[in-house]
Amino acid sequence: MMWWDGNDSWSHIGYGGGWVMFFGMILVTVALVLLVVFLVRQTTNAGGSAGMPQALPSAPAGPAPETPRDILKRRYAAGEVDRDEYLQKLSDL
């Protein structure tokens, strides 16, 4: 309840009066809404199932690494090694 004390001020309000309370209520309301949104997002994932962790995306499948025999065959086919060297290295492997 507000009353007039005769000094051109509202005695019991002080420090901005109702404006501080008004903005404080807005801040509390916004904080509660943000908290609810945060909690909902934490308990559900993109798939819509609650409590289940999301699967990590798998790495794209690339070509398998070459074996030493594959490298030797490629070098022989390219003419980098001759037949005798190819057969020797193939038997070493």
PDB file of N, CA and C in Angstrom:
ATOM      1  N   MET A   1       0.842  -1.159   0.000  1.00  0.00           N
ATOM      2  CA  MET A   1       0.000   0.000   0.000  1.00  0.00           C
ATOM      3  C   MET A   1       0.896   1.235   0.000  1.00  0.00           C
ATOM      4  N   MET A   2       0.586   2.196  -0.862  1.00  0.00           N
ATOM      5  CA  MET A   2       1.383   3.406  -0.961  1.00  0.00           C
ATOM      6  C   MET A   2       0.627   4.558  -0.319  1.00  0.00           C
ATOM      7  N   TRP A   3       1.353   5.483   0.298  1.00  0.00           N
ATOM      8  CA  TRP A   3       0.731   6.652   0.905  1.00  0.00           C
ATOM      9  C   TRP A   3       1.587   7.878   0.669  1.00  0.00           C
ATOM     10  N   TRP A   4       1.004   8.962   0.771  1.00  0.00           N
ATOM     11  CA  TRP A   4       1.664  10.245   0.534  1.00  0.00           C
ATOM     12  C   TRP A   4       2.179  10.763   1.857  1.00  0.00           C
ATOM     13  N   ASP A   5       3.539  11.031   1.913  1.00  0.00           N
ATOM     14  CA  ASP A   5       4.090  11.512   3.170  1.00  0.00           C
ATOM     15  C   ASP A   5       4.313  13.023   3.166  1.00  0.00           C
ATOM     16  N   GLY A   6       3.944  13.676   2.083  1.00  0.00           N
ATOM     17  CA  GLY A   6       4.046  15.118   2.012  1.00  0.00           C
ATOM     18  C   GLY A   6       5.378  15.637   1.519  1.00  0.00           C
ATOM     19  N   ASN A   7       6.364  14.769   1.231  1.00  0.00           N
ATOM     20  CA  ASN A   7       7.688  15.197   0.799  1.00  0.00           C
ATOM     21  C   ASN A   7       7.952  14.872  -0.674  1.00  0.00           C
ATOM     22  N   ASP A   8       6.935  14.739  -1.459  1.00  0.00           N
ATOM     23  CA  ASP A   8       7.039  14.383  -2.884  1.00  0.00           C
ATOM     24  C   ASP A   8       7.818  13.083  -3.104  1.00  0.00           C
ATOM     25  N   SER A   9       7.706  12.140  -2.241  1.00  0.00           N
ATOM     26  CA  SER A   9       8.332  10.833  -2.443  1.00  0.00           C
ATOM     27  C   SER A   9       7.412   9.765  -1.867  1.00  0.00           C
ATOM     28  N   TRP A  10       7.551   8.601  -2.375  1.00  0.00           N
ATOM     29  CA  TRP A  10       6.788   7.469  -1.862  1.00  0.00           C
ATOM     30  C   TRP A  10       7.688   6.756  -0.859  1.00  0.00           C
ATOM     31  N   SER A  11       7.362   6.823   0.371  1.00  0.00           N
ATOM     32  CA  SER A  11       8.246   6.408   1.458  1.00  0.00           C
ATOM     33  C   SER A  11       8.678   4.953   1.386  1.00  0.00           C
ATOM     34  N   HIS A  12       7.784   4.082   1.138  1.00  0.00           N
ATOM     35  CA  HIS A  12       8.113   2.660   1.252  1.00  0.00           C
ATOM     36  C   HIS A  12       8.680   2.058  -0.030  1.00  0.00           C
ATOM     37  N   ILE A  13       8.766   2.785  -1.117  1.00  0.00           N
ATOM     38  CA  ILE A  13       9.233   2.207  -2.377  1.00  0.00           C
ATOM     39  C   ILE A  13      10.741   2.318  -2.474  1.00  0.00           C
ATOM     40  N   GLY A  14      11.312   3.450  -2.639  1.00  0.00           N
ATOM     41  CA  GLY A  14      12.743   3.680  -2.665  1.00  0.00           C
ATOM     42  C   GLY A  14      13.492   2.860  -3.706  1.00  0.00           C
ATOM     43  N   TYR A  15      14.635   3.294  -4.130  1.00  0.00           N
ATOM     44  CA  TYR A  15      15.527   2.607  -5.055  1.00  0.00           C
ATOM     45  C   TYR A  15      14.833   2.140  -6.330  1.00  0.00           C
ATOM     46  N   GLY A  16      14.038   2.956  -6.921  1.00  0.00           N
ATOM     47  CA  GLY A  16      13.416   2.606  -8.194  1.00  0.00           C
ATOM     48  C   GLY A  16      12.016   2.070  -8.058  1.00  0.00           C
ATOM     49  N   GLY A  17      11.605   1.755  -6.874  1.00  0.00           N
ATOM     50  CA  GLY A  17      10.233   1.362  -6.614  1.00  0.00           C
ATOM     51  C   GLY A  17       9.800   0.112  -7.352  1.00  0.00           C
ATOM     52  N   GLY A  18       8.638   0.209  -7.950  1.00  0.00           N
ATOM     53  CA  GLY A  18       8.034  -0.932  -8.622  1.00  0.00           C
ATOM     54  C   GLY A  18       8.777  -1.370  -9.868  1.00  0.00           C
ATOM     55  N   TRP A  19       9.600  -0.500 -10.450  1.00  0.00           N
ATOM     56  CA  TRP A  19      10.328  -0.873 -11.659  1.00  0.00           C
ATOM     57  C   TRP A  19      11.331  -1.990 -11.380  1.00  0.00           C
ATOM     58  N   VAL A  20      11.988  -1.935 -10.251  1.00  0.00           N
ATOM     59  CA  VAL A  20      12.957  -2.983  -9.916  1.00  0.00           C
ATOM     60  C   VAL A  20      12.247  -4.319  -9.767  1.00  0.00           C
ATOM     61  N   MET A  21      11.123  -4.313  -9.098  1.00  0.00           N
ATOM     62  CA  MET A  21      10.358  -5.542  -8.919  1.00  0.00           C
ATOM     63  C   MET A  21       9.819  -6.041 -10.257  1.00  0.00           C
ATOM     64  N   PHE A  22       9.376  -5.136 -11.121  1.00  0.00           N
ATOM     65  CA  PHE A  22       8.839  -5.507 -12.429  1.00  0.00           C
ATOM     66  C   PHE A  22       9.910  -6.204 -13.267  1.00  0.00           C
ATOM     67  N   PHE A  23      11.084  -5.601 -13.388  1.00  0.00           N
ATOM     68  CA  PHE A  23      12.146  -6.213 -14.188  1.00  0.00           C
ATOM     69  C   PHE A  23      12.702  -7.473 -13.520  1.00  0.00           C
ATOM     70  N   GLY A  24      12.691  -7.506 -12.215  1.00  0.00           N
ATOM     71  CA  GLY A  24      13.118  -8.716 -11.519  1.00  0.00           C
ATOM     72  C   GLY A  24      12.206  -9.894 -11.812  1.00  0.00           C
ATOM     73  N   MET A  25      10.908  -9.634 -11.862  1.00  0.00           N
ATOM     74  CA  MET A  25       9.951 -10.702 -12.183  1.00  0.00           C
ATOM     75  C   MET A  25      10.132 -11.177 -13.618  1.00  0.00           C
ATOM     76  N   ILE A  26      10.419 -10.238 -14.521  1.00  0.00           N
ATOM     77  CA  ILE A  26      10.658 -10.634 -15.912  1.00  0.00           C
ATOM     78  C   ILE A  26      11.910 -11.503 -15.998  1.00  0.00           C
ATOM     79  N   LEU A  27      12.973 -11.125 -15.312  1.00  0.00           N
ATOM     80  CA  LEU A  27      14.209 -11.916 -15.340  1.00  0.00           C
ATOM     81  C   LEU A  27      14.005 -13.309 -14.762  1.00  0.00           C
ATOM     82  N   VAL A  28      13.262 -13.410 -13.678  1.00  0.00           N
ATOM     83  CA  VAL A  28      12.989 -14.725 -13.081  1.00  0.00           C
ATOM     84  C   VAL A  28      12.174 -15.587 -14.040  1.00  0.00           C
ATOM     85  N   THR A  29      11.181 -14.993 -14.699  1.00  0.00           N
ATOM     86  CA  THR A  29      10.344 -15.741 -15.650  1.00  0.00           C
ATOM     87  C   THR A  29      11.180 -16.238 -16.829  1.00  0.00           C
ATOM     88  N   VAL A  30      12.034 -15.377 -17.384  1.00  0.00           N
ATOM     89  CA  VAL A  30      12.890 -15.780 -18.499  1.00  0.00           C
ATOM     90  C   VAL A  30      13.843 -16.887 -18.060  1.00  0.00           C
ATOM     91  N   ALA A  31      14.408 -16.770 -16.862  1.00  0.00           N
ATOM     92  CA  ALA A  31      15.319 -17.797 -16.364  1.00  0.00           C
ATOM     93  C   ALA A  31      14.607 -19.141 -16.213  1.00  0.00           C
ATOM     94  N   LEU A  32      13.377 -19.138 -15.735  1.00  0.00           N
ATOM     95  CA  LEU A  32      12.625 -20.392 -15.595  1.00  0.00           C
ATOM     96  C   LEU A  32      12.322 -21.016 -16.952  1.00  0.00           C
ATOM     97  N   VAL A  33      11.947 -20.198 -17.929  1.00  0.00           N
ATOM     98  CA  VAL A  33      11.665 -20.725 -19.266  1.00  0.00           C
ATOM     99  C   VAL A  33      12.932 -21.336 -19.866  1.00  0.00           C
ATOM    100  N   LEU A  34      14.063 -20.650 -19.727  1.00  0.00           N
ATOM    101  CA  LEU A  34      15.318 -21.184 -20.241  1.00  0.00           C
ATOM    102  C   LEU A  34      15.710 -22.483 -19.540  1.00  0.00           C
ATOM    103  N   LEU A  35      15.454 -22.575 -18.246  1.00  0.00           N
ATOM    104  CA  LEU A  35      15.747 -23.799 -17.513  1.00  0.00           C
ATOM    105  C   LEU A  35      14.903 -24.962 -18.027  1.00  0.00           C
ATOM    106  N   VAL A  36      13.627 -24.719 -18.260  1.00  0.00           N
ATOM    107  CA  VAL A  36      12.745 -25.778 -18.776  1.00  0.00           C
ATOM    108  C   VAL A  36      13.215 -26.221 -20.159  1.00  0.00           C
ATOM    109  N   VAL A  37      13.548 -25.269 -21.032  1.00  0.00           N
ATOM    110  CA  VAL A  37      14.024 -25.622 -22.374  1.00  0.00           C
ATOM    111  C   VAL A  37      15.308 -26.431 -22.280  1.00  0.00           C
ATOM    112  N   PHE A  38      16.221 -26.026 -21.416  1.00  0.00           N
ATOM    113  CA  PHE A  38      17.479 -26.753 -21.244  1.00  0.00           C
ATOM    114  C   PHE A  38      17.219 -28.184 -20.773  1.00  0.00           C
ATOM    115  N   LEU A  39      16.362 -28.349 -19.784  1.00  0.00           N
ATOM    116  CA  LEU A  39      16.084 -29.692 -19.261  1.00  0.00           C
ATOM    117  C   LEU A  39      15.418 -30.572 -20.300  1.00  0.00           C
ATOM    118  N   VAL A  40      14.505 -30.019 -21.090  1.00  0.00           N
ATOM    119  CA  VAL A  40      13.843 -30.813 -22.133  1.00  0.00           C
ATOM    120  C   VAL A  40      14.859 -31.244 -23.180  1.00  0.00           C
ATOM    121  N   ARG A  41      15.755 -30.353 -23.570  1.00  0.00           N
ATOM    122  CA  ARG A  41      16.757 -30.695 -24.583  1.00  0.00           C
ATOM    123  C   ARG A  41      17.755 -31.725 -24.054  1.00  0.00           C
ATOM    124  N   GLN A  42      18.037 -31.712 -22.769  1.00  0.00           N
ATOM    125  CA  GLN A  42      18.981 -32.664 -22.201  1.00  0.00           C
ATOM    126  C   GLN A  42      18.380 -34.059 -22.079  1.00  0.00           C
ATOM    127  N   THR A  43      17.087 -34.151 -21.888  1.00  0.00           N
ATOM    128  CA  THR A  43      16.465 -35.461 -21.683  1.00  0.00           C
ATOM    129  C   THR A  43      15.979 -36.102 -22.968  1.00  0.00           C
ATOM    130  N   THR A  44      15.946 -35.361 -24.062  1.00  0.00           N
ATOM    131  CA  THR A  44      15.545 -35.939 -25.346  1.00  0.00           C
ATOM    132  C   THR A  44      16.638 -35.683 -26.357  1.00  0.00           C
ATOM    133  N   ASN A  45      16.719 -36.567 -27.347  1.00  0.00           N
ATOM    134  CA  ASN A  45      17.695 -36.358 -28.416  1.00  0.00           C
ATOM    135  C   ASN A  45      16.959 -36.123 -29.728  1.00  0.00           C
ATOM    136  N   ALA A  46      17.698 -36.004 -30.809  1.00  0.00           N
ATOM    137  CA  ALA A  46      17.105 -35.680 -32.107  1.00  0.00           C
ATOM    138  C   ALA A  46      16.140 -36.768 -32.580  1.00  0.00           C
ATOM    139  N   GLY A  47      16.377 -38.015 -32.195  1.00  0.00           N
ATOM    140  CA  GLY A  47      15.515 -39.105 -32.618  1.00  0.00           C
ATOM    141  C   GLY A  47      14.194 -39.146 -31.871  1.00  0.00           C
ATOM    142  N   GLY A  48      14.073 -38.383 -30.821  1.00  0.00           N
ATOM    143  CA  GLY A  48      12.831 -38.333 -30.077  1.00  0.00           C
ATOM    144  C   GLY A  48      12.738 -39.325 -28.938  1.00  0.00           C
ATOM    145  N   SER A  49      13.702 -40.213 -28.781  1.00  0.00           N
ATOM    146  CA  SER A  49      13.637 -41.174 -27.692  1.00  0.00           C
ATOM    147  C   SER A  49      14.334 -40.590 -26.473  1.00  0.00           C
ATOM    148  N   ALA A  50      13.655 -40.575 -25.380  1.00  0.00           N
ATOM    149  CA  ALA A  50      14.194 -39.954 -24.166  1.00  0.00           C
ATOM    150  C   ALA A  50      15.230 -40.858 -23.512  1.00  0.00           C
ATOM    151  N   GLY A  51      16.299 -40.259 -23.038  1.00  0.00           N
ATOM    152  CA  GLY A  51      17.288 -40.977 -22.261  1.00  0.00           C
ATOM    153  C   GLY A  51      18.281 -41.797 -23.046  1.00  0.00           C
ATOM    154  N   MET A  52      18.130 -41.925 -24.341  1.00  0.00           N
ATOM    155  CA  MET A  52      19.047 -42.727 -25.137  1.00  0.00           C
ATOM    156  C   MET A  52      20.115 -41.825 -25.743  1.00  0.00           C
ATOM    157  N   PRO A  53      21.383 -42.169 -25.601  1.00  0.00           N
ATOM    158  CA  PRO A  53      22.432 -41.339 -26.194  1.00  0.00           C
ATOM    159  C   PRO A  53      22.413 -41.439 -27.707  1.00  0.00           C
ATOM    160  N   GLN A  54      22.805 -40.366 -28.358  1.00  0.00           N
ATOM    161  CA  GLN A  54      22.851 -40.368 -29.810  1.00  0.00           C
ATOM    162  C   GLN A  54      24.064 -41.160 -30.271  1.00  0.00           C
ATOM    163  N   ALA A  55      23.897 -41.871 -31.387  1.00  0.00           N
ATOM    164  CA  ALA A  55      24.999 -42.631 -31.950  1.00  0.00           C
ATOM    165  C   ALA A  55      25.957 -41.685 -32.654  1.00  0.00           C
ATOM    166  N   LEU A  56      27.239 -41.959 -32.518  1.00  0.00           N
ATOM    167  CA  LEU A  56      28.231 -41.146 -33.190  1.00  0.00           C
ATOM    168  C   LEU A  56      28.228 -41.484 -34.669  1.00  0.00           C
ATOM    169  N   PRO A  57      28.408 -40.502 -35.528  1.00  0.00           N
ATOM    170  CA  PRO A  57      28.445 -40.808 -36.960  1.00  0.00           C
ATOM    171  C   PRO A  57      29.680 -41.639 -37.282  1.00  0.00           C
ATOM    172  N   SER A  58      29.509 -42.620 -38.146  1.00  0.00           N
ATOM    173  CA  SER A  58      30.629 -43.482 -38.489  1.00  0.00           C
ATOM    174  C   SER A  58      31.494 -42.789 -39.534  1.00  0.00           C
ATOM    175  N   ALA A  59      32.755 -43.143 -39.513  1.00  0.00           N
ATOM    176  CA  ALA A  59      33.689 -42.566 -40.473  1.00  0.00           C
ATOM    177  C   ALA A  59      33.376 -43.105 -41.861  1.00  0.00           C
ATOM    178  N   PRO A  60      33.527 -42.286 -42.881  1.00  0.00           N
ATOM    179  CA  PRO A  60      33.255 -42.782 -44.229  1.00  0.00           C
ATOM    180  C   PRO A  60      34.231 -43.895 -44.596  1.00  0.00           C
ATOM    181  N   ALA A  61      33.695 -44.915 -45.247  1.00  0.00           N
ATOM    182  CA  ALA A  61      34.520 -46.057 -45.617  1.00  0.00           C
ATOM    183  C   ALA A  61      35.384 -45.669 -46.807  1.00  0.00           C
ATOM    184  N   GLY A  62      36.677 -45.730 -46.621  1.00  0.00           N
ATOM    185  CA  GLY A  62      37.611 -45.418 -47.695  1.00  0.00           C
ATOM    186  C   GLY A  62      38.210 -46.699 -48.240  1.00  0.00           C
ATOM    187  N   PRO A  63      39.122 -46.562 -49.162  1.00  0.00           N
ATOM    188  CA  PRO A  63      39.768 -47.765 -49.692  1.00  0.00           C
ATOM    189  C   PRO A  63      40.620 -48.423 -48.615  1.00  0.00           C
ATOM    190  N   ALA A  64      40.670 -49.732 -48.678  1.00  0.00           N
ATOM    191  CA  ALA A  64      41.473 -50.486 -47.713  1.00  0.00           C
ATOM    192  C   ALA A  64      42.950 -50.193 -47.963  1.00  0.00           C
ATOM    193  N   PRO A  65      43.754 -50.176 -46.918  1.00  0.00           N
ATOM    194  CA  PRO A  65      45.188 -49.934 -47.129  1.00  0.00           C
ATOM    195  C   PRO A  65      45.818 -51.051 -47.967  1.00  0.00           C
ATOM    196  N   GLU A  66      46.802 -50.683 -48.772  1.00  0.00           N
ATOM    197  CA  GLU A  66      47.458 -51.669 -49.638  1.00  0.00           C
ATOM    198  C   GLU A  66      48.363 -52.590 -48.818  1.00  0.00           C
ATOM    199  N   THR A  67      48.320 -53.839 -49.180  1.00  0.00           N
ATOM    200  CA  THR A  67      49.229 -54.802 -48.560  1.00  0.00           C
ATOM    201  C   THR A  67      50.567 -54.741 -49.299  1.00  0.00           C
ATOM    202  N   PRO A  68      51.624 -55.265 -48.689  1.00  0.00           N
ATOM    203  CA  PRO A  68      52.920 -55.282 -49.394  1.00  0.00           C
ATOM    204  C   PRO A  68      52.860 -56.014 -50.738  1.00  0.00           C
ATOM    205  N   ARG A  69      52.066 -57.079 -50.804  1.00  0.00           N
ATOM    206  CA  ARG A  69      51.937 -57.807 -52.074  1.00  0.00           C
ATOM    207  C   ARG A  69      51.268 -56.938 -53.133  1.00  0.00           C
ATOM    208  N   ASP A  70      50.241 -56.147 -52.716  1.00  0.00           N
ATOM    209  CA  ASP A  70      49.570 -55.263 -53.667  1.00  0.00           C
ATOM    210  C   ASP A  70      50.531 -54.197 -54.190  1.00  0.00           C
ATOM    211  N   ILE A  71      51.364 -53.675 -53.314  1.00  0.00           N
ATOM    212  CA  ILE A  71      52.340 -52.657 -53.726  1.00  0.00           C
ATOM    213  C   ILE A  71      53.331 -53.249 -54.720  1.00  0.00           C
ATOM    214  N   LEU A  72      53.789 -54.469 -54.426  1.00  0.00           N
ATOM    215  CA  LEU A  72      54.742 -55.121 -55.321  1.00  0.00           C
ATOM    216  C   LEU A  72      54.111 -55.398 -56.680  1.00  0.00           C
ATOM    217  N   LYS A  73      52.863 -55.860 -56.690  1.00  0.00           N
ATOM    218  CA  LYS A  73      52.178 -56.122 -57.963  1.00  0.00           C
ATOM    219  C   LYS A  73      52.020 -54.830 -58.764  1.00  0.00           C
ATOM    220  N   ARG A  74      51.679 -53.748 -58.074  1.00  0.00           N
ATOM    221  CA  ARG A  74      51.503 -52.465 -58.758  1.00  0.00           C
ATOM    222  C   ARG A  74      52.835 -51.984 -59.349  1.00  0.00           C
ATOM    223  N   ARG A  75      53.912 -52.131 -58.598  1.00  0.00           N
ATOM    224  CA  ARG A  75      55.226 -51.698 -59.091  1.00  0.00           C
ATOM    225  C   ARG A  75      55.683 -52.559 -60.276  1.00  0.00           C
ATOM    226  N   TYR A  76      55.370 -53.872 -60.225  1.00  0.00           N
ATOM    227  CA  TYR A  76      55.736 -54.757 -61.341  1.00  0.00           C
ATOM    228  C   TYR A  76      54.913 -54.395 -62.585  1.00  0.00           C
ATOM    229  N   ALA A  77      53.633 -54.116 -62.374  1.00  0.00           N
ATOM    230  CA  ALA A  77      52.778 -53.746 -63.503  1.00  0.00           C
ATOM    231  C   ALA A  77      53.202 -52.407 -64.101  1.00  0.00           C
ATOM    232  N   ALA A  78      53.729 -51.504 -63.285  1.00  0.00           N
ATOM    233  CA  ALA A  78      54.161 -50.197 -63.786  1.00  0.00           C
ATOM    234  C   ALA A  78      55.554 -50.260 -64.402  1.00  0.00           C
ATOM    235  N   GLY A  79      56.246 -51.390 -64.278  1.00  0.00           N
ATOM    236  CA  GLY A  79      57.569 -51.535 -64.858  1.00  0.00           C
ATOM    237  C   GLY A  79      58.679 -51.019 -63.963  1.00  0.00           C
ATOM    238  N   GLU A  80      58.396 -50.768 -62.709  1.00  0.00           N
ATOM    239  CA  GLU A  80      59.426 -50.265 -61.797  1.00  0.00           C
ATOM    240  C   GLU A  80      60.399 -51.373 -61.388  1.00  0.00           C
ATOM    241  N   VAL A  81      59.929 -52.610 -61.372  1.00  0.00           N
ATOM    242  CA  VAL A  81      60.804 -53.750 -61.048  1.00  0.00           C
ATOM    243  C   VAL A  81      60.696 -54.758 -62.190  1.00  0.00           C
ATOM    244  N   ASP A  82      61.777 -55.498 -62.431  1.00  0.00           N
ATOM    245  CA  ASP A  82      61.733 -56.521 -63.488  1.00  0.00           C
ATOM    246  C   ASP A  82      61.217 -57.839 -62.908  1.00  0.00           C
ATOM    247  N   ARG A  83      61.123 -58.859 -63.792  1.00  0.00           N
ATOM    248  CA  ARG A  83      60.511 -60.132 -63.387  1.00  0.00           C
ATOM    249  C   ARG A  83      61.313 -60.828 -62.296  1.00  0.00           C
ATOM    250  N   ASP A  84      62.607 -60.855 -62.437  1.00  0.00           N
ATOM    251  CA  ASP A  84      63.443 -61.549 -61.452  1.00  0.00           C
ATOM    252  C   ASP A  84      63.340 -60.881 -60.073  1.00  0.00           C
ATOM    253  N   GLU A  85      63.392 -59.546 -60.075  1.00  0.00           N
ATOM    254  CA  GLU A  85      63.278 -58.820 -58.801  1.00  0.00           C
ATOM    255  C   GLU A  85      61.889 -59.036 -58.195  1.00  0.00           C
ATOM    256  N   TYR A  86      60.851 -59.039 -59.060  1.00  0.00           N
ATOM    257  CA  TYR A  86      59.475 -59.261 -58.588  1.00  0.00           C
ATOM    258  C   TYR A  86      59.357 -60.633 -57.929  1.00  0.00           C
ATOM    259  N   LEU A  87      59.859 -61.676 -58.583  1.00  0.00           N
ATOM    260  CA  LEU A  87      59.751 -63.030 -58.034  1.00  0.00           C
ATOM    261  C   LEU A  87      60.553 -63.173 -56.751  1.00  0.00           C
ATOM    262  N   GLN A  88      61.714 -62.542 -56.701  1.00  0.00           N
ATOM    263  CA  GLN A  88      62.537 -62.598 -55.486  1.00  0.00           C
ATOM    264  C   GLN A  88      61.809 -61.938 -54.295  1.00  0.00           C
ATOM    265  N   LYS A  89      61.297 -60.747 -54.550  1.00  0.00           N
ATOM    266  CA  LYS A  89      60.600 -60.021 -53.463  1.00  0.00           C
ATOM    267  C   LYS A  89      59.306 -60.730 -53.081  1.00  0.00           C
ATOM    268  N   LEU A  90      58.627 -61.336 -54.049  1.00  0.00           N
ATOM    269  CA  LEU A  90      57.400 -62.061 -53.759  1.00  0.00           C
ATOM    270  C   LEU A  90      57.690 -63.270 -52.877  1.00  0.00           C
ATOM    271  N   SER A  91      58.794 -63.944 -53.129  1.00  0.00           N
ATOM    272  CA  SER A  91      59.135 -65.099 -52.283  1.00  0.00           C
ATOM    273  C   SER A  91      59.578 -64.634 -50.892  1.00  0.00           C
ATOM    274  N   ASP A  92      60.171 -63.441 -50.802  1.00  0.00           N
ATOM    275  CA  ASP A  92      60.565 -62.907 -49.497  1.00  0.00           C
ATOM    276  C   ASP A  92      59.343 -62.587 -48.646  1.00  0.00           C
ATOM    277  N   LEU A  93      58.302 -62.183 -49.295  1.00  0.00           N
ATOM    278  CA  LEU A  93      57.091 -61.829 -48.538  1.00  0.00           C
ATOM    279  C   LEU A  93      56.370 -63.084 -48.096  1.00  0.00           C
TER     280      LEU A  93
END
